[in-house]
Amino acid sequence: FADFEKWVIKKAVDEINHAFTSIVI
């Protein structure tokens, strides 16, 4: 799970938050 969190969840959340999307998570 630590790898899944690092490379899938956390990486995706960081990218969404720092892109020009309509949401912050």
PDB file of all heavy atoms in Angstrom:
ATOM      1  N   PHE A   1       0.823  -1.203   0.000  1.00  0.00           N
ATOM      2  CA  PHE A   1       0.000   0.000   0.000  1.00  0.00           C
ATOM      3  C   PHE A   1       0.862   1.261   0.000  1.00  0.00           C
ATOM      4  O   PHE A   1       0.489   2.259  -0.617  1.00  0.00           O
ATOM      5  CB  PHE A   1      -0.946   0.027   1.203  1.00  0.00           C
ATOM      6  CG  PHE A   1      -1.759   1.291   1.256  1.00  0.00           C
ATOM      7  CD1 PHE A   1      -2.892   1.422   0.478  1.00  0.00           C
ATOM      8  CD2 PHE A   1      -1.356   2.357   2.050  1.00  0.00           C
ATOM      9  CE1 PHE A   1      -3.621   2.609   0.485  1.00  0.00           C
ATOM     10  CE2 PHE A   1      -2.082   3.537   2.071  1.00  0.00           C
ATOM     11  CZ  PHE A   1      -3.220   3.659   1.287  1.00  0.00           C
ATOM     12  N   ALA A   2       1.990   1.235   0.693  1.00  0.00           N
ATOM     13  CA  ALA A   2       2.864   2.423   0.735  1.00  0.00           C
ATOM     14  C   ALA A   2       3.283   2.843  -0.669  1.00  0.00           C
ATOM     15  O   ALA A   2       3.344   4.038  -0.978  1.00  0.00           O
ATOM     16  CB  ALA A   2       4.097   2.133   1.596  1.00  0.00           C
ATOM     17  N   ASP A   3       3.556   1.873  -1.525  1.00  0.00           N
ATOM     18  CA  ASP A   3       3.928   2.192  -2.916  1.00  0.00           C
ATOM     19  C   ASP A   3       2.719   2.688  -3.697  1.00  0.00           C
ATOM     20  O   ASP A   3       2.820   3.631  -4.494  1.00  0.00           O
ATOM     21  CB  ASP A   3       4.515   0.954  -3.597  1.00  0.00           C
ATOM     22  CG  ASP A   3       5.863   0.558  -3.023  1.00  0.00           C
ATOM     23  OD1 ASP A   3       6.559   1.446  -2.494  1.00  0.00           O
ATOM     24  OD2 ASP A   3       6.212  -0.635  -3.098  1.00  0.00           O
ATOM     25  N   PHE A   4       1.575   2.048  -3.473  1.00  0.00           N
ATOM     26  CA  PHE A   4       0.355   2.478  -4.158  1.00  0.00           C
ATOM     27  C   PHE A   4       0.004   3.910  -3.771  1.00  0.00           C
ATOM     28  O   PHE A   4      -0.370   4.722  -4.623  1.00  0.00           O
ATOM     29  CB  PHE A   4      -0.790   1.533  -3.792  1.00  0.00           C
ATOM     30  CG  PHE A   4      -2.113   1.910  -4.392  1.00  0.00           C
ATOM     31  CD1 PHE A   4      -2.355   1.759  -5.743  1.00  0.00           C
ATOM     32  CD2 PHE A   4      -3.135   2.419  -3.586  1.00  0.00           C
ATOM     33  CE1 PHE A   4      -3.578   2.110  -6.298  1.00  0.00           C
ATOM     34  CE2 PHE A   4      -4.362   2.765  -4.133  1.00  0.00           C
ATOM     35  CZ  PHE A   4      -4.584   2.610  -5.492  1.00  0.00           C
ATOM     36  N   GLU A   5       0.136   4.210  -2.477  1.00  0.00           N
ATOM     37  CA  GLU A   5      -0.157   5.571  -2.030  1.00  0.00           C
ATOM     38  C   GLU A   5       0.811   6.578  -2.648  1.00  0.00           C
ATOM     39  O   GLU A   5       0.400   7.638  -3.134  1.00  0.00           O
ATOM     40  CB  GLU A   5      -0.078   5.660  -0.499  1.00  0.00           C
ATOM     41  CG  GLU A   5      -0.365   7.065   0.021  1.00  0.00           C
ATOM     42  CD  GLU A   5      -0.215   7.190   1.523  1.00  0.00           C
ATOM     43  OE1 GLU A   5       0.381   6.289   2.146  1.00  0.00           O
ATOM     44  OE2 GLU A   5      -0.694   8.202   2.082  1.00  0.00           O
ATOM     45  N   LYS A   6       2.090   6.244  -2.658  1.00  0.00           N
ATOM     46  CA  LYS A   6       3.111   7.179  -3.149  1.00  0.00           C
ATOM     47  C   LYS A   6       2.976   7.455  -4.637  1.00  0.00           C
ATOM     48  O   LYS A   6       3.009   8.616  -5.077  1.00  0.00           O
ATOM     49  CB  LYS A   6       4.504   6.614  -2.852  1.00  0.00           C
ATOM     50  CG  LYS A   6       5.648   7.479  -3.381  1.00  0.00           C
ATOM     51  CD  LYS A   6       6.998   6.861  -3.044  1.00  0.00           C
ATOM     52  CE  LYS A   6       8.136   7.709  -3.591  1.00  0.00           C
ATOM     53  NZ  LYS A   6       9.460   7.098  -3.271  1.00  0.00           N
ATOM     54  N   TRP A   7       2.829   6.392  -5.444  1.00  0.00           N
ATOM     55  CA  TRP A   7       2.894   6.539  -6.894  1.00  0.00           C
ATOM     56  C   TRP A   7       1.544   6.737  -7.564  1.00  0.00           C
ATOM     57  O   TRP A   7       1.487   7.197  -8.712  1.00  0.00           O
ATOM     58  CB  TRP A   7       3.596   5.328  -7.506  1.00  0.00           C
ATOM     59  CG  TRP A   7       5.009   5.198  -7.055  1.00  0.00           C
ATOM     60  CD1 TRP A   7       5.542   4.269  -6.214  1.00  0.00           C
ATOM     61  CD2 TRP A   7       6.089   6.079  -7.388  1.00  0.00           C
ATOM     62  NE1 TRP A   7       6.878   4.492  -6.013  1.00  0.00           N
ATOM     63  CE2 TRP A   7       7.237   5.599  -6.727  1.00  0.00           C
ATOM     64  CE3 TRP A   7       6.200   7.211  -8.201  1.00  0.00           C
ATOM     65  CZ2 TRP A   7       8.475   6.223  -6.848  1.00  0.00           C
ATOM     66  CZ3 TRP A   7       7.431   7.831  -8.324  1.00  0.00           C
ATOM     67  CH2 TRP A   7       8.547   7.339  -7.642  1.00  0.00           C
ATOM     68  N   VAL A   8       0.471   6.408  -6.873  1.00  0.00           N
ATOM     69  CA  VAL A   8      -0.854   6.566  -7.475  1.00  0.00           C
ATOM     70  C   VAL A   8      -1.635   7.676  -6.787  1.00  0.00           C
ATOM     71  O   VAL A   8      -1.940   8.698  -7.400  1.00  0.00           O
ATOM     72  CB  VAL A   8      -1.646   5.234  -7.432  1.00  0.00           C
ATOM     73  CG1 VAL A   8      -3.043   5.425  -8.024  1.00  0.00           C
ATOM     74  CG2 VAL A   8      -0.892   4.147  -8.195  1.00  0.00           C
ATOM     75  N   ILE A   9      -1.940   7.495  -5.498  1.00  0.00           N
ATOM     76  CA  ILE A   9      -2.819   8.458  -4.822  1.00  0.00           C
ATOM     77  C   ILE A   9      -2.136   9.808  -4.609  1.00  0.00           C
ATOM     78  O   ILE A   9      -2.626  10.843  -5.074  1.00  0.00           O
ATOM     79  CB  ILE A   9      -3.298   7.892  -3.470  1.00  0.00           C
ATOM     80  CG1 ILE A   9      -4.021   6.561  -3.667  1.00  0.00           C
ATOM     81  CG2 ILE A   9      -4.228   8.894  -2.788  1.00  0.00           C
ATOM     82  CD1 ILE A   9      -4.407   5.871  -2.378  1.00  0.00           C
ATOM     83  N   LYS A  10      -1.026   9.806  -3.904  1.00  0.00           N
ATOM     84  CA  LYS A  10      -0.373  11.076  -3.549  1.00  0.00           C
ATOM     85  C   LYS A  10       0.091  11.841  -4.786  1.00  0.00           C
ATOM     86  O   LYS A  10      -0.086  13.066  -4.886  1.00  0.00           O
ATOM     87  CB  LYS A  10       0.814  10.825  -2.623  1.00  0.00           C
ATOM     88  CG  LYS A  10       1.412  12.100  -2.036  1.00  0.00           C
ATOM     89  CD  LYS A  10       2.514  11.784  -1.048  1.00  0.00           C
ATOM     90  CE  LYS A  10       2.975  13.062  -0.342  1.00  0.00           C
ATOM     91  NZ  LYS A  10       3.445  14.083  -1.297  1.00  0.00           N
ATOM     92  N   LYS A  11       0.675  11.111  -5.733  1.00  0.00           N
ATOM     93  CA  LYS A  11       1.157  11.776  -6.945  1.00  0.00           C
ATOM     94  C   LYS A  11       0.008  12.404  -7.713  1.00  0.00           C
ATOM     95  O   LYS A  11       0.107  13.533  -8.210  1.00  0.00           O
ATOM     96  CB  LYS A  11       1.894  10.776  -7.823  1.00  0.00           C
ATOM     97  CG  LYS A  11       2.607  11.399  -9.015  1.00  0.00           C
ATOM     98  CD  LYS A  11       3.437  10.368  -9.757  1.00  0.00           C
ATOM     99  CE  LYS A  11       4.192  11.024 -10.908  1.00  0.00           C
ATOM    100  NZ  LYS A  11       4.995  10.027 -11.673  1.00  0.00           N
ATOM    101  N   ALA A  12      -1.117  11.693  -7.812  1.00  0.00           N
ATOM    102  CA  ALA A  12      -2.284  12.226  -8.518  1.00  0.00           C
ATOM    103  C   ALA A  12      -2.871  13.432  -7.792  1.00  0.00           C
ATOM    104  O   ALA A  12      -3.218  14.444  -8.417  1.00  0.00           O
ATOM    105  CB  ALA A  12      -3.334  11.138  -8.683  1.00  0.00           C
ATOM    106  N   VAL A  13      -2.980  13.350  -6.469  1.00  0.00           N
ATOM    107  CA  VAL A  13      -3.530  14.458  -5.687  1.00  0.00           C
ATOM    108  C   VAL A  13      -2.662  15.709  -5.826  1.00  0.00           C
ATOM    109  O   VAL A  13      -3.172  16.817  -6.035  1.00  0.00           O
ATOM    110  CB  VAL A  13      -3.668  14.056  -4.199  1.00  0.00           C
ATOM    111  CG1 VAL A  13      -3.958  15.278  -3.326  1.00  0.00           C
ATOM    112  CG2 VAL A  13      -4.771  13.016  -4.036  1.00  0.00           C
ATOM    113  N   ASP A  14      -1.349  15.551  -5.718  1.00  0.00           N
ATOM    114  CA  ASP A  14      -0.441  16.695  -5.871  1.00  0.00           C
ATOM    115  C   ASP A  14      -0.576  17.327  -7.247  1.00  0.00           C
ATOM    116  O   ASP A  14      -0.575  18.560  -7.390  1.00  0.00           O
ATOM    117  CB  ASP A  14       1.012  16.246  -5.646  1.00  0.00           C
ATOM    118  CG  ASP A  14       1.303  15.935  -4.192  1.00  0.00           C
ATOM    119  OD1 ASP A  14       0.497  16.332  -3.326  1.00  0.00           O
ATOM    120  OD2 ASP A  14       2.328  15.284  -3.911  1.00  0.00           O
ATOM    121  N   GLU A  15      -0.695  16.492  -8.277  1.00  0.00           N
ATOM    122  CA  GLU A  15      -0.795  17.022  -9.639  1.00  0.00           C
ATOM    123  C   GLU A  15      -2.110  17.770  -9.840  1.00  0.00           C
ATOM    124  O   GLU A  15      -2.129  18.855 -10.431  1.00  0.00           O
ATOM    125  CB  GLU A  15      -0.687  15.871 -10.650  1.00  0.00           C
ATOM    126  CG  GLU A  15      -0.571  16.353 -12.080  1.00  0.00           C
ATOM    127  CD  GLU A  15      -0.264  15.231 -13.054  1.00  0.00           C
ATOM    128  OE1 GLU A  15       0.231  14.171 -12.624  1.00  0.00           O
ATOM    129  OE2 GLU A  15      -0.532  15.421 -14.258  1.00  0.00           O
ATOM    130  N   ILE A  16      -3.193  17.214  -9.350  1.00  0.00           N
ATOM    131  CA  ILE A  16      -4.492  17.879  -9.485  1.00  0.00           C
ATOM    132  C   ILE A  16      -4.494  19.222  -8.765  1.00  0.00           C
ATOM    133  O   ILE A  16      -4.992  20.231  -9.286  1.00  0.00           O
ATOM    134  CB  ILE A  16      -5.610  16.974  -8.933  1.00  0.00           C
ATOM    135  CG1 ILE A  16      -5.793  15.747  -9.838  1.00  0.00           C
ATOM    136  CG2 ILE A  16      -6.926  17.746  -8.813  1.00  0.00           C
ATOM    137  CD1 ILE A  16      -6.681  14.669  -9.250  1.00  0.00           C
ATOM    138  N   ASN A  17      -3.928  19.265  -7.568  1.00  0.00           N
ATOM    139  CA  ASN A  17      -3.929  20.504  -6.789  1.00  0.00           C
ATOM    140  C   ASN A  17      -3.073  21.598  -7.404  1.00  0.00           C
ATOM    141  O   ASN A  17      -3.327  22.781  -7.172  1.00  0.00           O
ATOM    142  CB  ASN A  17      -3.450  20.221  -5.355  1.00  0.00           C
ATOM    143  CG  ASN A  17      -4.514  19.542  -4.510  1.00  0.00           C
ATOM    144  OD1 ASN A  17      -5.678  19.500  -4.869  1.00  0.00           O
ATOM    145  ND2 ASN A  17      -4.100  18.993  -3.385  1.00  0.00           N
ATOM    146  N   HIS A  18      -2.058  21.237  -8.162  1.00  0.00           N
ATOM    147  CA  HIS A  18      -1.161  22.242  -8.733  1.00  0.00           C
ATOM    148  C   HIS A  18      -1.403  22.467 -10.222  1.00  0.00           C
ATOM    149  O   HIS A  18      -0.639  23.169 -10.878  1.00  0.00           O
ATOM    150  CB  HIS A  18       0.293  21.847  -8.482  1.00  0.00           C
ATOM    151  CG  HIS A  18       0.693  21.971  -7.045  1.00  0.00           C
ATOM    152  ND1 HIS A  18       0.485  20.950  -6.139  1.00  0.00           N
ATOM    153  CD2 HIS A  18       1.251  22.990  -6.343  1.00  0.00           C
ATOM    154  CE1 HIS A  18       0.912  21.339  -4.940  1.00  0.00           C
ATOM    155  NE2 HIS A  18       1.380  22.569  -5.034  1.00  0.00           N
ATOM    156  N   ALA A  19      -2.478  21.881 -10.734  1.00  0.00           N
ATOM    157  CA  ALA A  19      -2.869  22.129 -12.121  1.00  0.00           C
ATOM    158  C   ALA A  19      -4.051  23.095 -12.123  1.00  0.00           C
ATOM    159  O   ALA A  19      -4.610  23.420 -11.078  1.00  0.00           O
ATOM    160  CB  ALA A  19      -3.234  20.813 -12.812  1.00  0.00           C
ATOM    161  N   PHE A  20      -4.443  23.527 -13.304  1.00  0.00           N
ATOM    162  CA  PHE A  20      -5.496  24.536 -13.415  1.00  0.00           C
ATOM    163  C   PHE A  20      -6.853  23.856 -13.521  1.00  0.00           C
ATOM    164  O   PHE A  20      -7.602  24.062 -14.475  1.00  0.00           O
ATOM    165  CB  PHE A  20      -5.222  25.410 -14.646  1.00  0.00           C
ATOM    166  CG  PHE A  20      -5.892  26.746 -14.580  1.00  0.00           C
ATOM    167  CD1 PHE A  20      -5.563  27.653 -13.592  1.00  0.00           C
ATOM    168  CD2 PHE A  20      -6.833  27.100 -15.520  1.00  0.00           C
ATOM    169  CE1 PHE A  20      -6.170  28.901 -13.543  1.00  0.00           C
ATOM    170  CE2 PHE A  20      -7.443  28.343 -15.480  1.00  0.00           C
ATOM    171  CZ  PHE A  20      -7.113  29.237 -14.503  1.00  0.00           C
ATOM    172  N   THR A  21      -7.176  23.007 -12.558  1.00  0.00           N
ATOM    173  CA  THR A  21      -8.463  22.328 -12.560  1.00  0.00           C
ATOM    174  C   THR A  21      -9.448  23.092 -11.683  1.00  0.00           C
ATOM    175  O   THR A  21      -9.086  24.075 -11.030  1.00  0.00           O
ATOM    176  CB  THR A  21      -8.322  20.893 -12.019  1.00  0.00           C
ATOM    177  OG1 THR A  21      -7.995  20.942 -10.627  1.00  0.00           O
ATOM    178  CG2 THR A  21      -7.225  20.132 -12.760  1.00  0.00           C
ATOM    179  N   SER A  22     -10.680  22.622 -11.636  1.00  0.00           N
ATOM    180  CA  SER A  22     -11.720  23.336 -10.885  1.00  0.00           C
ATOM    181  C   SER A  22     -11.808  22.889  -9.435  1.00  0.00           C
ATOM    182  O   SER A  22     -12.604  23.435  -8.677  1.00  0.00           O
ATOM    183  CB  SER A  22     -13.085  23.116 -11.557  1.00  0.00           C
ATOM    184  OG  SER A  22     -13.402  21.734 -11.567  1.00  0.00           O
ATOM    185  N   ILE A  23     -10.996  21.898  -9.042  1.00  0.00           N
ATOM    186  CA  ILE A  23     -11.111  21.375  -7.679  1.00  0.00           C
ATOM    187  C   ILE A  23      -9.764  21.359  -6.959  1.00  0.00           C
ATOM    188  O   ILE A  23      -8.702  21.351  -7.591  1.00  0.00           O
ATOM    189  CB  ILE A  23     -11.697  19.941  -7.671  1.00  0.00           C
ATOM    190  CG1 ILE A  23     -10.806  18.983  -8.483  1.00  0.00           C
ATOM    191  CG2 ILE A  23     -13.123  19.945  -8.189  1.00  0.00           C
ATOM    192  CD1 ILE A  23     -11.230  17.521  -8.403  1.00  0.00           C
ATOM    193  N   VAL A  24      -9.830  21.344  -5.634  1.00  0.00           N
ATOM    194  CA  VAL A  24      -8.666  21.148  -4.761  1.00  0.00           C
ATOM    195  C   VAL A  24      -9.042  20.012  -3.818  1.00  0.00           C
ATOM    196  O   VAL A  24     -10.183  19.948  -3.338  1.00  0.00           O
ATOM    197  CB  VAL A  24      -8.326  22.419  -3.960  1.00  0.00           C
ATOM    198  CG1 VAL A  24      -7.140  22.176  -3.034  1.00  0.00           C
ATOM    199  CG2 VAL A  24      -8.039  23.575  -4.896  1.00  0.00           C
ATOM    200  N   ILE A  25      -8.100  19.115  -3.550  1.00  0.00           N
ATOM    201  CA  ILE A  25      -8.441  17.928  -2.777  1.00  0.00           C
ATOM    202  C   ILE A  25      -7.382  17.596  -1.726  1.00  0.00           C
ATOM    203  O   ILE A  25      -6.241  18.066  -1.796  1.00  0.00           O
ATOM    204  CB  ILE A  25      -8.645  16.698  -3.680  1.00  0.00           C
ATOM    205  CG1 ILE A  25      -7.372  16.404  -4.484  1.00  0.00           C
ATOM    206  CG2 ILE A  25      -9.809  16.897  -4.620  1.00  0.00           C
ATOM    207  CD1 ILE A  25      -7.492  15.229  -5.438  1.00  0.00           C
TER     208      ILE A  25
END
